[in-house]
Amino acid sequence: MIRAVTAKRAFVIFLRCSPKTNSFAANDAEAAWQQSKGKRKKLVYSVATARWPDANLWQVVRMKLVSYEVQTRLGRFERIGALAHGTIVDLTSAACAFLAESQDANGARKHAEALVPPDMIGFLEGGSSARGLADQAVAYVGARLGSERRPLGPHGEQLTFAESEIRWLAPVPRPPMVRDGILILEHYRLGMGQLLKSEGGYLPEAAKTTPIYWKPSRAAVGGHKAPIQWPKYSKQLDYEFEIGMYIGKRGKNIPVERAWDHVAGYTIFQ
């Protein structure tokens, strides 16, 4: 799962592997939406800063982002959503419904699908523009849930789903690449010592300045609650509780002080 936080110009995403909703802490954002009720037709979201245009309406918003599949009469479709308000908010449909408050429904759909596509990689690549709209769309759905049990979009599309209606996927089901790095050099030294049968361990000088990693298969990414494939030749499966980072912005020779600008989020990695 992904937890996202907007704070002024920063929009940080934390990915988690827990199905618990820890409901969207957007009461203030919902109140801001209600306060803007009379201004909706004039309201234009600020895509550059991912905040309300009116400084008095801006609030810190938290949510968890997920990828999932839904079954329709035309087959299964992959979607992205936010765990919020005790339900799963479909981000693309919610963005369409939000935009349709101030523009033509067909134009709203095209606008929403361009900025908040139903694919996590495409969404992350959208940067602050995508995340700013998603932030407002979730607050918008939260306000509607106050008076509607199952709000629908302008084309009759479902804006929310129960867990029983979807199949969980990994937050980013098909990452372009995966790198498993080593940050604790003592762990690396002892591991290399065991491999090379050296009692004192082994730590090459290059390991102190050069990132150490191996390349897992990106096809091995599993969905939330999906069964783990146990190789038939193995009698025991090992596990490690590690943190994973999603890189959301391209870069090369990145200065340390700008490194966090390239991190899209975090997840549990085993």
C-alpha atoms as a PDB file:
ATOM      1  CA  MET A   1       0.000   0.000   0.000  1.00  0.00           C
ATOM      2  CA  ILE A   2       1.082   3.585  -0.446  1.00  0.00           C
ATOM      3  CA  ARG A   3       0.794   6.394   2.041  1.00  0.00           C
ATOM      4  CA  ALA A   4       0.962   9.843   0.475  1.00  0.00           C
ATOM      5  CA  VAL A   5       1.393  13.131   2.276  1.00  0.00           C
ATOM      6  CA  THR A   6       1.162  16.631   0.851  1.00  0.00           C
ATOM      7  CA  ALA A   7       2.946  19.384   2.692  1.00  0.00           C
ATOM      8  CA  LYS A   8       3.298  22.677   0.850  1.00  0.00           C
ATOM      9  CA  ARG A   9       5.278  21.815  -2.305  1.00  0.00           C
ATOM     10  CA  ALA A  10       6.302  18.310  -1.281  1.00  0.00           C
ATOM     11  CA  PHE A  11       4.157  15.263  -1.969  1.00  0.00           C
ATOM     12  CA  VAL A  12       5.781  12.219  -0.410  1.00  0.00           C
ATOM     13  CA  ILE A  13       4.449   8.697  -0.880  1.00  0.00           C
ATOM     14  CA  PHE A  14       4.932   5.921   1.668  1.00  0.00           C
ATOM     15  CA  LEU A  15       4.097   2.393   0.532  1.00  0.00           C
ATOM     16  CA  ARG A  16       2.885  -0.154   3.040  1.00  0.00           C
ATOM     17  CA  CYS A  17       1.825  -3.803   2.901  1.00  0.00           C
ATOM     18  CA  SER A  18      -1.104  -3.542   5.311  1.00  0.00           C
ATOM     19  CA  PRO A  19      -4.749  -3.864   4.225  1.00  0.00           C
ATOM     20  CA  LYS A  20      -5.949  -1.742   7.133  1.00  0.00           C
ATOM     21  CA  THR A  21      -7.445   1.510   5.968  1.00  0.00           C
ATOM     22  CA  ASN A  22      -6.215   3.808   8.743  1.00  0.00           C
ATOM     23  CA  SER A  23      -8.820   6.094   7.257  1.00  0.00           C
ATOM     24  CA  PHE A  24      -7.805   9.086   5.191  1.00  0.00           C
ATOM     25  CA  ALA A  25      -6.895  11.881   7.590  1.00  0.00           C
ATOM     26  CA  ALA A  26      -8.663  14.454   5.493  1.00  0.00           C
ATOM     27  CA  ASN A  27     -11.344  15.816   7.773  1.00  0.00           C
ATOM     28  CA  ASP A  28      -9.778  19.240   7.411  1.00  0.00           C
ATOM     29  CA  ALA A  29      -9.569  18.836   3.640  1.00  0.00           C
ATOM     30  CA  GLU A  30     -13.213  17.765   3.517  1.00  0.00           C
ATOM     31  CA  ALA A  31     -14.164  20.800   5.591  1.00  0.00           C
ATOM     32  CA  ALA A  32     -12.176  22.951   3.173  1.00  0.00           C
ATOM     33  CA  TRP A  33     -14.071  21.401   0.269  1.00  0.00           C
ATOM     34  CA  GLN A  34     -17.373  22.139   1.964  1.00  0.00           C
ATOM     35  CA  GLN A  35     -16.253  25.720   2.624  1.00  0.00           C
ATOM     36  CA  SER A  36     -15.509  26.101  -1.073  1.00  0.00           C
ATOM     37  CA  LYS A  37     -18.996  24.925  -2.038  1.00  0.00           C
ATOM     38  CA  GLY A  38     -20.043  28.327  -3.284  1.00  0.00           C
ATOM     39  CA  LYS A  39     -16.827  28.723  -5.239  1.00  0.00           C
ATOM     40  CA  ARG A  40     -16.736  25.352  -7.008  1.00  0.00           C
ATOM     41  CA  LYS A  41     -17.396  26.720 -10.477  1.00  0.00           C
ATOM     42  CA  LYS A  42     -14.512  29.153 -10.012  1.00  0.00           C
ATOM     43  CA  LEU A  43     -12.186  26.747  -8.235  1.00  0.00           C
ATOM     44  CA  VAL A  44      -9.067  25.897 -10.218  1.00  0.00           C
ATOM     45  CA  TYR A  45      -6.660  23.472  -8.586  1.00  0.00           C
ATOM     46  CA  SER A  46      -3.004  24.437  -8.416  1.00  0.00           C
ATOM     47  CA  VAL A  47      -1.212  21.575 -10.135  1.00  0.00           C
ATOM     48  CA  ALA A  48       2.239  23.038  -9.560  1.00  0.00           C
ATOM     49  CA  THR A  49       2.061  23.118  -5.781  1.00  0.00           C
ATOM     50  CA  ALA A  50      -0.475  20.339  -5.115  1.00  0.00           C
ATOM     51  CA  ARG A  51      -2.501  22.540  -2.798  1.00  0.00           C
ATOM     52  CA  TRP A  52      -5.677  24.554  -2.749  1.00  0.00           C
ATOM     53  CA  PRO A  53      -5.324  27.892  -4.595  1.00  0.00           C
ATOM     54  CA  ASP A  54      -6.760  29.685  -1.563  1.00  0.00           C
ATOM     55  CA  ALA A  55      -4.138  29.455   1.202  1.00  0.00           C
ATOM     56  CA  ASN A  56      -6.933  29.376   3.777  1.00  0.00           C
ATOM     57  CA  LEU A  57      -8.266  26.168   2.231  1.00  0.00           C
ATOM     58  CA  TRP A  58      -4.954  24.301   2.087  1.00  0.00           C
ATOM     59  CA  GLN A  59      -4.604  21.449   4.574  1.00  0.00           C
ATOM     60  CA  VAL A  60      -2.210  18.543   5.068  1.00  0.00           C
ATOM     61  CA  VAL A  61      -3.707  15.383   3.550  1.00  0.00           C
ATOM     62  CA  ARG A  62      -2.696  11.757   4.038  1.00  0.00           C
ATOM     63  CA  MET A  63      -3.768   8.712   2.066  1.00  0.00           C
ATOM     64  CA  LYS A  64      -2.624   5.252   1.030  1.00  0.00           C
ATOM     65  CA  LEU A  65      -2.423   4.408  -2.661  1.00  0.00           C
ATOM     66  CA  VAL A  66      -3.082   0.931  -4.067  1.00  0.00           C
ATOM     67  CA  SER A  67      -3.238  -0.969  -7.347  1.00  0.00           C
ATOM     68  CA  TYR A  68      -6.003  -3.508  -7.862  1.00  0.00           C
ATOM     69  CA  GLU A  69      -8.154  -5.299 -10.433  1.00  0.00           C
ATOM     70  CA  VAL A  70     -11.913  -5.084 -10.818  1.00  0.00           C
ATOM     71  CA  GLN A  71     -14.106  -7.567 -12.665  1.00  0.00           C
ATOM     72  CA  THR A  72     -16.481  -6.091 -15.243  1.00  0.00           C
ATOM     73  CA  ARG A  73     -18.665  -7.529 -18.004  1.00  0.00           C
ATOM     74  CA  LEU A  74     -15.832  -6.755 -20.398  1.00  0.00           C
ATOM     75  CA  GLY A  75     -13.226  -8.552 -18.321  1.00  0.00           C
ATOM     76  CA  ARG A  76     -10.773  -7.562 -15.580  1.00  0.00           C
ATOM     77  CA  PHE A  77      -9.315  -4.064 -15.518  1.00  0.00           C
ATOM     78  CA  GLU A  78      -6.382  -2.705 -13.541  1.00  0.00           C
ATOM     79  CA  ARG A  79      -7.022   0.450 -11.519  1.00  0.00           C
ATOM     80  CA  ILE A  80      -5.295   2.614  -8.926  1.00  0.00           C
ATOM     81  CA  GLY A  81      -6.974   3.942  -5.839  1.00  0.00           C
ATOM     82  CA  ALA A  82      -6.637   5.449  -2.397  1.00  0.00           C
ATOM     83  CA  LEU A  83      -7.596   3.749   0.844  1.00  0.00           C
ATOM     84  CA  ALA A  84      -9.678   6.532   2.324  1.00  0.00           C
ATOM     85  CA  HIS A  85     -12.874   7.101   4.270  1.00  0.00           C
ATOM     86  CA  GLY A  86     -13.076   3.383   5.087  1.00  0.00           C
ATOM     87  CA  THR A  87     -13.239   2.379   1.423  1.00  0.00           C
ATOM     88  CA  ILE A  88     -11.193   2.239  -1.795  1.00  0.00           C
ATOM     89  CA  VAL A  89     -11.519   5.420  -3.831  1.00  0.00           C
ATOM     90  CA  ASP A  90     -10.903   4.898  -7.547  1.00  0.00           C
ATOM     91  CA  LEU A  91      -8.540   7.774  -8.323  1.00  0.00           C
ATOM     92  CA  THR A  92      -9.193   8.127 -12.044  1.00  0.00           C
ATOM     93  CA  SER A  93     -12.970   8.059 -11.696  1.00  0.00           C
ATOM     94  CA  ALA A  94     -12.855  10.328  -8.648  1.00  0.00           C
ATOM     95  CA  ALA A  95     -10.709  12.843 -10.535  1.00  0.00           C
ATOM     96  CA  CYS A  96     -13.197  12.765 -13.424  1.00  0.00           C
ATOM     97  CA  ALA A  97     -16.124  13.396 -11.077  1.00  0.00           C
ATOM     98  CA  PHE A  98     -14.261  16.232  -9.365  1.00  0.00           C
ATOM     99  CA  LEU A  99     -13.397  17.937 -12.662  1.00  0.00           C
ATOM    100  CA  ALA A 100     -16.943  17.446 -13.978  1.00  0.00           C
ATOM    101  CA  GLU A 101     -18.116  19.889 -11.303  1.00  0.00           C
ATOM    102  CA  SER A 102     -16.627  22.705 -13.358  1.00  0.00           C
ATOM    103  CA  GLN A 103     -16.411  21.415 -16.946  1.00  0.00           C
ATOM    104  CA  ASP A 104     -18.068  19.187 -19.543  1.00  0.00           C
ATOM    105  CA  ALA A 105     -18.257  15.520 -18.442  1.00  0.00           C
ATOM    106  CA  ASN A 106     -16.498  14.209 -21.572  1.00  0.00           C
ATOM    107  CA  GLY A 107     -13.747  16.772 -21.240  1.00  0.00           C
ATOM    108  CA  ALA A 108     -13.417  15.928 -17.555  1.00  0.00           C
ATOM    109  CA  ARG A 109     -12.900  12.253 -18.400  1.00  0.00           C
ATOM    110  CA  LYS A 110     -10.131  13.002 -20.902  1.00  0.00           C
ATOM    111  CA  HIS A 111      -8.515  15.447 -18.489  1.00  0.00           C
ATOM    112  CA  ALA A 112      -8.661  12.950 -15.610  1.00  0.00           C
ATOM    113  CA  GLU A 113      -7.306  10.023 -17.642  1.00  0.00           C
ATOM    114  CA  ALA A 114      -4.405  12.168 -18.834  1.00  0.00           C
ATOM    115  CA  LEU A 115      -3.424  13.439 -15.376  1.00  0.00           C
ATOM    116  CA  VAL A 116      -4.449  10.457 -13.223  1.00  0.00           C
ATOM    117  CA  PRO A 117      -4.218   7.348 -15.452  1.00  0.00           C
ATOM    118  CA  PRO A 118      -5.320   3.989 -13.976  1.00  0.00           C
ATOM    119  CA  ASP A 119      -1.690   2.818 -13.876  1.00  0.00           C
ATOM    120  CA  MET A 120       0.639   3.505 -10.942  1.00  0.00           C
ATOM    121  CA  ILE A 121       3.759   4.143 -13.023  1.00  0.00           C
ATOM    122  CA  GLY A 122       1.891   6.579 -15.252  1.00  0.00           C
ATOM    123  CA  PHE A 123       0.468   8.245 -12.157  1.00  0.00           C
ATOM    124  CA  LEU A 124       3.876   8.625 -10.492  1.00  0.00           C
ATOM    125  CA  GLU A 125       5.356  10.016 -13.694  1.00  0.00           C
ATOM    126  CA  GLY A 126       2.682  12.708 -13.583  1.00  0.00           C
ATOM    127  CA  GLY A 127       4.456  14.293 -10.622  1.00  0.00           C
ATOM    128  CA  SER A 128       2.835  17.111  -8.696  1.00  0.00           C
ATOM    129  CA  SER A 129       0.159  17.653 -11.357  1.00  0.00           C
ATOM    130  CA  ALA A 130      -1.195  14.113 -10.941  1.00  0.00           C
ATOM    131  CA  ARG A 131      -0.798  14.049  -7.194  1.00  0.00           C
ATOM    132  CA  GLY A 132      -2.406  17.432  -6.700  1.00  0.00           C
ATOM    133  CA  LEU A 133      -5.506  16.351  -8.597  1.00  0.00           C
ATOM    134  CA  ALA A 134      -5.623  13.008  -6.751  1.00  0.00           C
ATOM    135  CA  ASP A 135      -5.453  14.838  -3.443  1.00  0.00           C
ATOM    136  CA  GLN A 136      -8.453  16.985  -4.308  1.00  0.00           C
ATOM    137  CA  ALA A 137     -10.394  14.099  -5.852  1.00  0.00           C
ATOM    138  CA  VAL A 138     -10.135  12.033  -2.663  1.00  0.00           C
ATOM    139  CA  ALA A 139     -11.282  14.962  -0.530  1.00  0.00           C
ATOM    140  CA  TYR A 140     -14.157  15.503  -2.982  1.00  0.00           C
ATOM    141  CA  VAL A 141     -15.316  11.875  -2.691  1.00  0.00           C
ATOM    142  CA  GLY A 142     -15.038  12.116   1.088  1.00  0.00           C
ATOM    143  CA  ALA A 143     -17.387  15.084   1.098  1.00  0.00           C
ATOM    144  CA  ARG A 144     -19.904  13.222  -1.072  1.00  0.00           C
ATOM    145  CA  LEU A 145     -19.744  10.139   1.135  1.00  0.00           C
ATOM    146  CA  GLY A 146     -21.125  12.316   3.902  1.00  0.00           C
ATOM    147  CA  SER A 147     -24.513  12.280   2.176  1.00  0.00           C
ATOM    148  CA  GLU A 148     -24.264   9.426  -0.391  1.00  0.00           C
ATOM    149  CA  ARG A 149     -23.652   5.763   0.406  1.00  0.00           C
ATOM    150  CA  ARG A 150     -22.245   4.919  -3.053  1.00  0.00           C
ATOM    151  CA  PRO A 151     -21.470   8.081  -5.069  1.00  0.00           C
ATOM    152  CA  LEU A 152     -21.256   7.708  -8.851  1.00  0.00           C
ATOM    153  CA  GLY A 153     -19.365   9.667 -11.479  1.00  0.00           C
ATOM    154  CA  PRO A 154     -20.860  11.730 -14.315  1.00  0.00           C
ATOM    155  CA  HIS A 155     -21.012   8.668 -16.584  1.00  0.00           C
ATOM    156  CA  GLY A 156     -22.441   6.391 -13.881  1.00  0.00           C
ATOM    157  CA  GLU A 157     -19.021   4.978 -12.999  1.00  0.00           C
ATOM    158  CA  GLN A 158     -18.364   3.630  -9.523  1.00  0.00           C
ATOM    159  CA  LEU A 159     -16.166   5.941  -7.429  1.00  0.00           C
ATOM    160  CA  THR A 160     -15.556   3.579  -4.505  1.00  0.00           C
ATOM    161  CA  PHE A 161     -15.033  -0.155  -4.033  1.00  0.00           C
ATOM    162  CA  ALA A 162     -15.165  -2.546  -1.110  1.00  0.00           C
ATOM    163  CA  GLU A 163     -12.241  -4.921  -0.618  1.00  0.00           C
ATOM    164  CA  SER A 164     -14.534  -7.829  -1.521  1.00  0.00           C
ATOM    165  CA  GLU A 165     -15.054  -6.313  -4.990  1.00  0.00           C
ATOM    166  CA  ILE A 166     -11.392  -6.141  -6.004  1.00  0.00           C
ATOM    167  CA  ARG A 167      -8.243  -8.262  -6.273  1.00  0.00           C
ATOM    168  CA  TRP A 168      -5.147  -6.688  -4.780  1.00  0.00           C
ATOM    169  CA  LEU A 169      -2.048  -6.138  -6.913  1.00  0.00           C
ATOM    170  CA  ALA A 170       1.390  -4.928  -5.863  1.00  0.00           C
ATOM    171  CA  PRO A 171       1.442  -1.102  -5.540  1.00  0.00           C
ATOM    172  CA  VAL A 172       3.565  -1.015  -8.718  1.00  0.00           C
ATOM    173  CA  PRO A 173       2.702  -4.328 -10.436  1.00  0.00           C
ATOM    174  CA  ARG A 174       5.324  -4.116 -13.194  1.00  0.00           C
ATOM    175  CA  PRO A 175       8.349  -2.072 -12.085  1.00  0.00           C
ATOM    176  CA  PRO A 176      10.770  -1.319 -14.948  1.00  0.00           C
ATOM    177  CA  MET A 177      13.629  -2.675 -12.829  1.00  0.00           C
ATOM    178  CA  VAL A 178      14.410  -3.860  -9.309  1.00  0.00           C
ATOM    179  CA  ARG A 179      17.681  -3.382  -7.414  1.00  0.00           C
ATOM    180  CA  ASP A 180      18.311  -4.977  -4.020  1.00  0.00           C
ATOM    181  CA  GLY A 181      20.933  -2.829  -2.324  1.00  0.00           C
ATOM    182  CA  ILE A 182      22.993  -3.297   0.840  1.00  0.00           C
ATOM    183  CA  LEU A 183      23.177  -0.364   3.241  1.00  0.00           C
ATOM    184  CA  ILE A 184      24.482  -2.075   6.389  1.00  0.00           C
ATOM    185  CA  LEU A 185      28.120  -2.792   5.629  1.00  0.00           C
ATOM    186  CA  GLU A 186      28.565  -4.980   8.709  1.00  0.00           C
ATOM    187  CA  HIS A 187      25.882  -7.288   7.351  1.00  0.00           C
ATOM    188  CA  TYR A 188      27.712  -7.387   4.014  1.00  0.00           C
ATOM    189  CA  ARG A 189      31.088  -8.024   5.693  1.00  0.00           C
ATOM    190  CA  LEU A 190      29.778 -11.000   7.663  1.00  0.00           C
ATOM    191  CA  GLY A 191      27.926 -12.409   4.659  1.00  0.00           C
ATOM    192  CA  MET A 192      31.001 -12.210   2.451  1.00  0.00           C
ATOM    193  CA  GLY A 193      33.054 -13.748   5.240  1.00  0.00           C
ATOM    194  CA  GLN A 194      30.749 -16.767   5.347  1.00  0.00           C
ATOM    195  CA  LEU A 195      30.796 -17.045   1.569  1.00  0.00           C
ATOM    196  CA  LEU A 196      34.607 -16.890   1.408  1.00  0.00           C
ATOM    197  CA  LYS A 197      35.058 -18.874   4.647  1.00  0.00           C
ATOM    198  CA  SER A 198      36.912 -15.999   6.270  1.00  0.00           C
ATOM    199  CA  GLU A 199      36.557 -15.848  10.048  1.00  0.00           C
ATOM    200  CA  GLY A 200      37.074 -12.077  10.228  1.00  0.00           C
ATOM    201  CA  GLY A 201      34.649 -11.334   7.445  1.00  0.00           C
ATOM    202  CA  TYR A 202      35.496  -9.555   4.225  1.00  0.00           C
ATOM    203  CA  LEU A 203      34.793  -5.985   3.126  1.00  0.00           C
ATOM    204  CA  PRO A 204      36.422  -4.643  -0.057  1.00  0.00           C
ATOM    205  CA  GLU A 205      37.389  -0.962  -0.004  1.00  0.00           C
ATOM    206  CA  ALA A 206      35.107  -0.245  -2.975  1.00  0.00           C
ATOM    207  CA  ALA A 207      32.089  -1.241  -0.854  1.00  0.00           C
ATOM    208  CA  LYS A 208      32.620   1.856   1.307  1.00  0.00           C
ATOM    209  CA  THR A 209      32.026   4.273  -1.582  1.00  0.00           C
ATOM    210  CA  THR A 210      30.168   2.326  -4.291  1.00  0.00           C
ATOM    211  CA  PRO A 211      26.525   1.168  -3.983  1.00  0.00           C
ATOM    212  CA  ILE A 212      26.278  -2.620  -3.694  1.00  0.00           C
ATOM    213  CA  TYR A 213      23.219  -4.326  -5.144  1.00  0.00           C
ATOM    214  CA  TRP A 214      21.967  -7.350  -7.010  1.00  0.00           C
ATOM    215  CA  LYS A 215      19.255  -7.563  -9.636  1.00  0.00           C
ATOM    216  CA  PRO A 216      16.109  -9.470  -8.622  1.00  0.00           C
ATOM    217  CA  SER A 217      13.623 -10.404 -11.307  1.00  0.00           C
ATOM    218  CA  ARG A 218      10.938  -7.759 -11.738  1.00  0.00           C
ATOM    219  CA  ALA A 219       8.615 -10.606 -12.692  1.00  0.00           C
ATOM    220  CA  ALA A 220       8.810 -11.831  -9.082  1.00  0.00           C
ATOM    221  CA  VAL A 221       6.767  -8.922  -7.708  1.00  0.00           C
ATOM    222  CA  GLY A 222       3.756 -10.290  -5.826  1.00  0.00           C
ATOM    223  CA  GLY A 223       0.438  -8.689  -5.023  1.00  0.00           C
ATOM    224  CA  HIS A 224      -0.919  -7.988  -1.582  1.00  0.00           C
ATOM    225  CA  LYS A 225      -2.369 -11.185  -0.044  1.00  0.00           C
ATOM    226  CA  ALA A 226      -1.214 -13.205  -3.083  1.00  0.00           C
ATOM    227  CA  PRO A 227       0.235 -16.686  -2.347  1.00  0.00           C
ATOM    228  CA  ILE A 228       4.021 -16.973  -2.239  1.00  0.00           C
ATOM    229  CA  GLN A 229       5.423 -19.455  -4.738  1.00  0.00           C
ATOM    230  CA  TRP A 230       7.512 -22.051  -2.889  1.00  0.00           C
ATOM    231  CA  PRO A 231      10.135 -23.726  -5.105  1.00  0.00           C
ATOM    232  CA  LYS A 232       9.700 -27.502  -4.972  1.00  0.00           C
ATOM    233  CA  TYR A 233      13.447 -28.018  -4.514  1.00  0.00           C
ATOM    234  CA  SER A 234      13.525 -25.896  -1.336  1.00  0.00           C
ATOM    235  CA  LYS A 235      12.852 -27.173   2.199  1.00  0.00           C
ATOM    236  CA  GLN A 236      12.992 -23.744   3.826  1.00  0.00           C
ATOM    237  CA  LEU A 237      12.184 -20.200   2.745  1.00  0.00           C
ATOM    238  CA  ASP A 238      14.257 -17.378   4.179  1.00  0.00           C
ATOM    239  CA  TYR A 239      12.858 -13.911   4.672  1.00  0.00           C
ATOM    240  CA  GLU A 240      14.209 -10.467   5.511  1.00  0.00           C
ATOM    241  CA  PHE A 241      12.240  -7.433   6.615  1.00  0.00           C
ATOM    242  CA  GLU A 242      13.576  -4.635   4.416  1.00  0.00           C
ATOM    243  CA  ILE A 243      12.455  -1.249   3.176  1.00  0.00           C
ATOM    244  CA  GLY A 244      12.043  -0.609  -0.536  1.00  0.00           C
ATOM    245  CA  MET A 245      12.086   2.703  -2.381  1.00  0.00           C
ATOM    246  CA  TYR A 246      10.275   3.618  -5.570  1.00  0.00           C
ATOM    247  CA  ILE A 247      12.184   6.070  -7.741  1.00  0.00           C
ATOM    248  CA  GLY A 248       9.724   8.393  -9.435  1.00  0.00           C
ATOM    249  CA  LYS A 249      12.016  10.890 -11.167  1.00  0.00           C
ATOM    250  CA  ARG A 250      14.844  10.195 -13.580  1.00  0.00           C
ATOM    251  CA  GLY A 251      18.318  11.434 -12.716  1.00  0.00           C
ATOM    252  CA  LYS A 252      22.064  10.903 -13.041  1.00  0.00           C
ATOM    253  CA  ASN A 253      24.925  11.912 -10.744  1.00  0.00           C
ATOM    254  CA  ILE A 254      22.357  13.285  -8.299  1.00  0.00           C
ATOM    255  CA  PRO A 255      23.773  15.430  -5.446  1.00  0.00           C
ATOM    256  CA  VAL A 256      23.031  14.080  -1.975  1.00  0.00           C
ATOM    257  CA  GLU A 257      21.007  17.163  -1.031  1.00  0.00           C
ATOM    258  CA  ARG A 258      18.648  16.558  -3.980  1.00  0.00           C
ATOM    259  CA  ALA A 259      18.310  12.790  -3.617  1.00  0.00           C
ATOM    260  CA  TRP A 260      14.914  12.909  -1.891  1.00  0.00           C
ATOM    261  CA  ASP A 261      13.455  14.797  -4.865  1.00  0.00           C
ATOM    262  CA  HIS A 262      13.727  11.530  -6.822  1.00  0.00           C
ATOM    263  CA  VAL A 263      12.080   9.223  -4.272  1.00  0.00           C
ATOM    264  CA  ALA A 264       8.425   8.522  -5.075  1.00  0.00           C
ATOM    265  CA  GLY A 265       7.701   6.276  -2.125  1.00  0.00           C
ATOM    266  CA  TYR A 266       8.476   3.387   0.162  1.00  0.00           C
ATOM    267  CA  THR A 267       7.297  -0.199   0.586  1.00  0.00           C
ATOM    268  CA  ILE A 268       8.040  -3.362   2.529  1.00  0.00           C
ATOM    269  CA  PHE A 269      10.551  -5.409   0.520  1.00  0.00           C
ATOM    270  CA  GLN A 270      11.359  -9.045   1.231  1.00  0.00           C
END
